[in-house]
N, C-alpha and C. Protein backbone atom coordinates (compact mmCIF):
# COMPACT_ATOMS: atom_id res chain seq x y z
N UNK A 1 86.63 84.79 71.61
CA UNK A 1 85.46 85.01 72.43
C UNK A 1 85.13 83.77 73.26
N UNK A 2 85.33 82.58 72.68
CA UNK A 2 85.05 81.34 73.40
C UNK A 2 85.97 81.20 74.60
N UNK A 3 87.24 81.62 74.41
CA UNK A 3 88.19 81.54 75.51
C UNK A 3 87.76 82.42 76.67
N UNK A 4 87.30 83.62 76.37
CA UNK A 4 86.84 84.54 77.40
C UNK A 4 85.63 83.98 78.15
N UNK A 5 84.71 83.39 77.42
CA UNK A 5 83.53 82.78 78.04
C UNK A 5 83.93 81.63 78.96
N UNK A 6 84.85 80.81 78.50
CA UNK A 6 85.33 79.68 79.31
C UNK A 6 86.03 80.19 80.57
N UNK A 7 86.78 81.28 80.44
CA UNK A 7 87.48 81.86 81.59
C UNK A 7 86.48 82.40 82.62
N UNK A 8 85.43 83.03 82.17
CA UNK A 8 84.40 83.56 83.07
C UNK A 8 83.70 82.42 83.81
N UNK A 9 83.34 81.38 83.09
CA UNK A 9 82.67 80.22 83.70
C UNK A 9 83.59 79.56 84.73
N UNK A 10 84.85 79.36 84.39
CA UNK A 10 85.80 78.75 85.31
C UNK A 10 85.98 79.60 86.56
N UNK A 11 86.04 80.91 86.40
CA UNK A 11 86.18 81.81 87.55
C UNK A 11 84.98 81.72 88.48
N UNK A 12 83.81 81.64 87.92
CA UNK A 12 82.59 81.53 88.74
C UNK A 12 82.56 80.22 89.51
N UNK A 13 82.97 79.13 88.87
CA UNK A 13 82.98 77.83 89.54
C UNK A 13 83.99 77.82 90.67
N UNK A 14 85.18 78.34 90.43
CA UNK A 14 86.23 78.33 91.45
C UNK A 14 85.95 79.30 92.59
N UNK A 15 85.23 80.37 92.35
CA UNK A 15 84.97 81.34 93.40
C UNK A 15 84.05 80.76 94.48
N UNK A 16 83.21 79.81 94.14
CA UNK A 16 82.34 79.15 95.12
C UNK A 16 83.15 78.45 96.19
N UNK A 17 84.26 77.84 95.81
CA UNK A 17 85.13 77.18 96.80
C UNK A 17 85.73 78.18 97.76
N UNK A 18 86.11 79.34 97.28
CA UNK A 18 86.70 80.36 98.15
C UNK A 18 85.67 80.86 99.17
N UNK A 19 84.45 81.06 98.76
CA UNK A 19 83.41 81.50 99.69
C UNK A 19 83.12 80.44 100.73
N UNK A 20 83.13 79.19 100.37
CA UNK A 20 82.87 78.11 101.32
C UNK A 20 83.97 78.04 102.37
N UNK A 21 85.20 78.31 101.97
CA UNK A 21 86.32 78.24 102.91
C UNK A 21 86.21 79.31 103.99
N UNK A 22 85.70 80.47 103.67
CA UNK A 22 85.61 81.57 104.62
C UNK A 22 84.19 81.77 105.13
N UNK A 23 83.59 80.69 105.58
CA UNK A 23 82.24 80.74 106.14
C UNK A 23 82.27 81.40 107.52
N UNK A 24 81.21 82.12 107.86
CA UNK A 24 81.10 82.74 109.18
C UNK A 24 80.12 81.99 110.06
N UNK A 25 79.78 80.76 109.71
CA UNK A 25 78.80 79.96 110.46
C UNK A 25 79.29 79.64 111.88
N UNK A 26 80.59 79.62 112.11
CA UNK A 26 81.11 79.25 113.43
C UNK A 26 81.10 80.42 114.41
N UNK A 27 80.73 81.61 113.98
CA UNK A 27 80.73 82.78 114.84
C UNK A 27 79.32 83.11 115.30
N UNK A 28 79.20 83.51 116.56
CA UNK A 28 77.92 83.96 117.11
C UNK A 28 78.01 85.48 117.21
N UNK A 29 77.43 86.17 116.26
CA UNK A 29 77.52 87.63 116.23
C UNK A 29 76.76 88.31 117.35
N UNK A 30 75.87 87.57 118.01
CA UNK A 30 75.09 88.14 119.11
C UNK A 30 75.77 88.01 120.47
N UNK A 31 76.83 87.23 120.55
CA UNK A 31 77.53 87.01 121.82
C UNK A 31 78.98 87.45 121.68
N UNK A 32 79.38 88.36 122.54
CA UNK A 32 80.77 88.82 122.53
C UNK A 32 81.36 88.56 123.91
N UNK A 33 82.65 88.25 123.92
CA UNK A 33 83.37 88.10 125.18
C UNK A 33 84.56 89.03 125.16
N UNK A 34 85.00 89.44 126.35
CA UNK A 34 86.17 90.32 126.44
C UNK A 34 87.24 89.58 127.21
N UNK A 35 88.41 89.50 126.63
CA UNK A 35 89.56 88.87 127.26
C UNK A 35 90.58 89.94 127.61
N UNK A 36 91.04 89.93 128.84
CA UNK A 36 92.06 90.87 129.29
C UNK A 36 93.25 90.04 129.74
N UNK A 37 94.39 90.29 129.15
CA UNK A 37 95.58 89.53 129.50
C UNK A 37 96.79 90.07 128.76
N UNK A 38 97.81 89.25 128.70
CA UNK A 38 99.07 89.61 128.06
C UNK A 38 99.23 88.81 126.78
N UNK A 39 99.47 89.49 125.68
CA UNK A 39 99.72 88.81 124.41
C UNK A 39 101.13 88.22 124.49
N UNK A 40 101.21 86.89 124.35
CA UNK A 40 102.51 86.23 124.42
C UNK A 40 103.07 85.90 123.04
N UNK A 41 102.19 85.84 122.04
CA UNK A 41 102.65 85.58 120.68
C UNK A 41 101.60 86.10 119.71
N UNK A 42 102.08 86.71 118.65
CA UNK A 42 101.22 87.19 117.58
C UNK A 42 101.82 86.68 116.29
N UNK A 43 101.08 85.81 115.61
CA UNK A 43 101.62 85.18 114.40
C UNK A 43 100.70 85.48 113.23
N UNK A 44 101.23 86.11 112.21
CA UNK A 44 100.49 86.38 111.00
C UNK A 44 100.89 85.32 110.00
N UNK A 45 100.07 84.28 109.92
CA UNK A 45 100.35 83.16 109.03
C UNK A 45 99.28 83.18 107.95
N UNK A 46 99.62 83.78 106.82
CA UNK A 46 98.67 84.01 105.75
C UNK A 46 97.90 82.75 105.41
N UNK A 47 96.60 82.79 105.37
CA UNK A 47 95.72 83.95 105.41
C UNK A 47 95.10 84.20 106.78
N UNK A 48 95.64 83.61 107.84
CA UNK A 48 95.03 83.72 109.16
C UNK A 48 95.99 84.38 110.16
N UNK A 49 95.41 84.91 111.22
CA UNK A 49 96.19 85.51 112.30
C UNK A 49 95.94 84.72 113.57
N UNK A 50 96.99 84.42 114.31
CA UNK A 50 96.88 83.70 115.57
C UNK A 50 97.40 84.59 116.69
N UNK A 51 96.60 84.78 117.72
CA UNK A 51 96.99 85.58 118.87
C UNK A 51 96.97 84.68 120.09
N UNK A 52 98.12 84.52 120.73
CA UNK A 52 98.22 83.72 121.95
C UNK A 52 98.17 84.69 123.13
N UNK A 53 97.34 84.37 124.09
CA UNK A 53 97.07 85.28 125.20
C UNK A 53 97.21 84.54 126.51
N UNK A 54 97.82 85.17 127.49
CA UNK A 54 97.88 84.63 128.85
C UNK A 54 96.91 85.46 129.69
N UNK A 55 95.89 84.78 130.22
CA UNK A 55 94.83 85.49 130.94
C UNK A 55 94.32 84.62 132.09
N UNK A 56 93.75 85.24 133.12
CA UNK A 56 93.23 84.45 134.23
C UNK A 56 91.90 83.77 133.86
N UNK A 57 91.73 82.52 134.34
CA UNK A 57 90.46 81.83 134.15
C UNK A 57 89.48 82.31 135.23
N UNK A 58 88.24 81.84 135.26
CA UNK A 58 87.27 82.31 136.25
C UNK A 58 87.72 82.13 137.72
N UNK A 59 88.64 81.19 137.97
CA UNK A 59 89.14 80.96 139.34
C UNK A 59 90.37 81.78 139.64
N UNK A 60 90.85 82.56 138.67
CA UNK A 60 92.01 83.42 138.88
C UNK A 60 93.35 82.83 138.50
N UNK A 61 93.35 81.57 138.06
CA UNK A 61 94.59 80.91 137.65
C UNK A 61 94.95 81.35 136.23
N UNK A 62 96.21 81.72 136.03
CA UNK A 62 96.65 82.18 134.71
C UNK A 62 96.69 81.01 133.74
N UNK A 63 96.10 81.22 132.58
CA UNK A 63 96.04 80.20 131.53
C UNK A 63 96.58 80.77 130.23
N UNK A 64 97.16 79.91 129.42
CA UNK A 64 97.67 80.32 128.11
C UNK A 64 96.63 79.98 127.09
């Protein structure tokens, strides 16, 4: 029983680190932007996804 209690306590302590890693503080849920362009690379690098896009900037010049 002591082992089970220790396992539960350890799990609770370690789960706090996981929640801190995946914070949503950097996102503004009230502001959305739309990007239209060509996907040049899609990389699924666990645990994150990277999408590289070629799209025109406000002056019309294509940017990566």
